[in-house]
Amino acid sequence: MGKYWWVTWIKVLALTAVFAVVIVLGYQQVKKSVADYLVDAPADAKLTDKLNLEDMVFDYAGEFVDRMMEESEQIRNAITEPLA
């Protein structure tokens, strides 16, 4: 190793800390997004058994449809408005 080998280790530790923070924040975000769909299940149950997937899918589909309808209405309004 070179004269300043410790600089490399400081960089490695800094990157490890950054990745740890990203993983923790991502975990918290996922936990918040699925909190509404958790059901009571035994601790050893699979993830799919712990989530109410039917409600989750229908809620996300409903949000998607609402967003697409708003976008299509904006496009339709922009086309039908008279040019000034």
C-alpha atoms as a PDB file:
ATOM      1  CA  MET A   1       0.000   0.000   0.000  1.00  0.00           C
ATOM      2  CA  GLY A   2       1.042   3.562  -0.555  1.00  0.00           C
ATOM      3  CA  LYS A   3       1.984   6.241   1.865  1.00  0.00           C
ATOM      4  CA  TYR A   4      -1.630   7.377   2.404  1.00  0.00           C
ATOM      5  CA  TRP A   5      -3.384   4.008   2.599  1.00  0.00           C
ATOM      6  CA  TRP A   6      -5.664   5.297   5.335  1.00  0.00           C
ATOM      7  CA  VAL A   7      -7.322   7.730   2.877  1.00  0.00           C
ATOM      8  CA  THR A   8      -8.696   4.765   0.937  1.00  0.00           C
ATOM      9  CA  TRP A   9     -10.174   3.276   4.111  1.00  0.00           C
ATOM     10  CA  ILE A  10     -11.771   6.589   5.041  1.00  0.00           C
ATOM     11  CA  LYS A  11     -13.415   6.707   1.593  1.00  0.00           C
ATOM     12  CA  VAL A  12     -14.629   3.125   1.979  1.00  0.00           C
ATOM     13  CA  LEU A  13     -16.100   3.876   5.403  1.00  0.00           C
ATOM     14  CA  ALA A  14     -17.764   7.057   4.119  1.00  0.00           C
ATOM     15  CA  LEU A  15     -19.362   5.198   1.204  1.00  0.00           C
ATOM     16  CA  THR A  16     -20.495   2.430   3.539  1.00  0.00           C
ATOM     17  CA  ALA A  17     -22.124   5.007   5.808  1.00  0.00           C
ATOM     18  CA  VAL A  18     -23.884   6.640   2.845  1.00  0.00           C
ATOM     19  CA  PHE A  19     -25.194   3.294   1.616  1.00  0.00           C
ATOM     20  CA  ALA A  20     -26.398   2.414   5.127  1.00  0.00           C
ATOM     21  CA  VAL A  21     -28.339   5.678   5.348  1.00  0.00           C
ATOM     22  CA  VAL A  22     -29.894   5.093   1.908  1.00  0.00           C
ATOM     23  CA  ILE A  23     -30.948   1.574   2.883  1.00  0.00           C
ATOM     24  CA  VAL A  24     -32.480   2.728   6.189  1.00  0.00           C
ATOM     25  CA  LEU A  25     -34.388   5.581   4.522  1.00  0.00           C
ATOM     26  CA  GLY A  26     -35.613   3.260   1.773  1.00  0.00           C
ATOM     27  CA  TYR A  27     -36.767   0.709   4.341  1.00  0.00           C
ATOM     28  CA  GLN A  28     -38.702   3.369   6.247  1.00  0.00           C
ATOM     29  CA  GLN A  29     -40.352   4.610   3.046  1.00  0.00           C
ATOM     30  CA  VAL A  30     -41.439   1.107   2.065  1.00  0.00           C
ATOM     31  CA  LYS A  31     -42.687   0.452   5.587  1.00  0.00           C
ATOM     32  CA  LYS A  32     -44.805   3.634   5.475  1.00  0.00           C
ATOM     33  CA  SER A  33     -46.237   2.811   2.061  1.00  0.00           C
ATOM     34  CA  VAL A  34     -47.416  -0.686   3.023  1.00  0.00           C
ATOM     35  CA  ALA A  35     -48.483   0.104   6.606  1.00  0.00           C
ATOM     36  CA  ASP A  36     -52.133   0.501   5.561  1.00  0.00           C
ATOM     37  CA  TYR A  37     -52.192  -2.978   4.038  1.00  0.00           C
ATOM     38  CA  LEU A  38     -50.640  -5.057   6.846  1.00  0.00           C
ATOM     39  CA  VAL A  39     -52.861  -7.735   8.336  1.00  0.00           C
ATOM     40  CA  ASP A  40     -52.456  -9.840  11.462  1.00  0.00           C
ATOM     41  CA  ALA A  41     -50.451 -12.918  10.599  1.00  0.00           C
ATOM     42  CA  PRO A  42     -48.083 -15.235  12.413  1.00  0.00           C
ATOM     43  CA  ALA A  43     -44.472 -14.096  12.628  1.00  0.00           C
ATOM     44  CA  ASP A  44     -43.286 -16.944  10.411  1.00  0.00           C
ATOM     45  CA  ALA A  45     -45.791 -16.198   7.628  1.00  0.00           C
ATOM     46  CA  LYS A  46     -44.628 -15.166   4.169  1.00  0.00           C
ATOM     47  CA  LEU A  47     -44.725 -11.506   3.199  1.00  0.00           C
ATOM     48  CA  THR A  48     -47.624 -12.119   0.830  1.00  0.00           C
ATOM     49  CA  ASP A  49     -49.635 -13.516   3.750  1.00  0.00           C
ATOM     50  CA  LYS A  50     -48.909 -10.434   5.864  1.00  0.00           C
ATOM     51  CA  LEU A  51     -50.198  -7.977   3.236  1.00  0.00           C
ATOM     52  CA  ASN A  52     -53.711  -7.414   1.992  1.00  0.00           C
ATOM     53  CA  LEU A  53     -52.652  -7.497  -1.650  1.00  0.00           C
ATOM     54  CA  GLU A  54     -56.157  -7.174  -3.074  1.00  0.00           C
ATOM     55  CA  ASP A  55     -56.789  -3.798  -1.435  1.00  0.00           C
ATOM     56  CA  MET A  56     -53.274  -2.646  -2.308  1.00  0.00           C
ATOM     57  CA  VAL A  57     -53.698  -3.454  -5.998  1.00  0.00           C
ATOM     58  CA  PHE A  58     -57.132  -1.861  -6.236  1.00  0.00           C
ATOM     59  CA  ASP A  59     -56.000   1.291  -4.418  1.00  0.00           C
ATOM     60  CA  TYR A  60     -52.996   1.731  -6.679  1.00  0.00           C
ATOM     61  CA  ALA A  61     -55.113   1.003  -9.755  1.00  0.00           C
ATOM     62  CA  GLY A  62     -57.685   3.569  -8.638  1.00  0.00           C
ATOM     63  CA  GLU A  63     -54.979   6.195  -8.108  1.00  0.00           C
ATOM     64  CA  PHE A  64     -53.549   5.434 -11.539  1.00  0.00           C
ATOM     65  CA  VAL A  65     -56.942   5.746 -13.219  1.00  0.00           C
ATOM     66  CA  ASP A  66     -57.626   9.057 -11.462  1.00  0.00           C
ATOM     67  CA  ARG A  67     -54.250  10.434 -12.556  1.00  0.00           C
ATOM     68  CA  MET A  68     -54.762   9.304 -16.161  1.00  0.00           C
ATOM     69  CA  MET A  69     -58.242  10.833 -16.272  1.00  0.00           C
ATOM     70  CA  GLU A  70     -56.877  14.164 -15.004  1.00  0.00           C
ATOM     71  CA  GLU A  71     -54.123  14.120 -17.630  1.00  0.00           C
ATOM     72  CA  SER A  72     -56.508  13.251 -20.436  1.00  0.00           C
ATOM     73  CA  GLU A  73     -58.887  16.010 -19.348  1.00  0.00           C
ATOM     74  CA  GLN A  74     -56.023  18.513 -19.357  1.00  0.00           C
ATOM     75  CA  ILE A  75     -55.054  17.416 -22.858  1.00  0.00           C
ATOM     76  CA  ARG A  76     -58.669  17.577 -24.056  1.00  0.00           C
ATOM     77  CA  ASN A  77     -59.113  21.055 -22.548  1.00  0.00           C
ATOM     78  CA  ALA A  78     -55.907  22.275 -24.150  1.00  0.00           C
ATOM     79  CA  ILE A  79     -57.077  21.047 -27.561  1.00  0.00           C
ATOM     80  CA  THR A  80     -60.587  22.484 -27.312  1.00  0.00           C
ATOM     81  CA  GLU A  81     -59.586  25.922 -25.979  1.00  0.00           C
ATOM     82  CA  PRO A  82     -59.605  28.557 -28.690  1.00  0.00           C
ATOM     83  CA  LEU A  83     -56.233  29.859 -29.762  1.00  0.00           C
ATOM     84  CA  ALA A  84     -55.612  33.440 -28.645  1.00  0.00           C
END
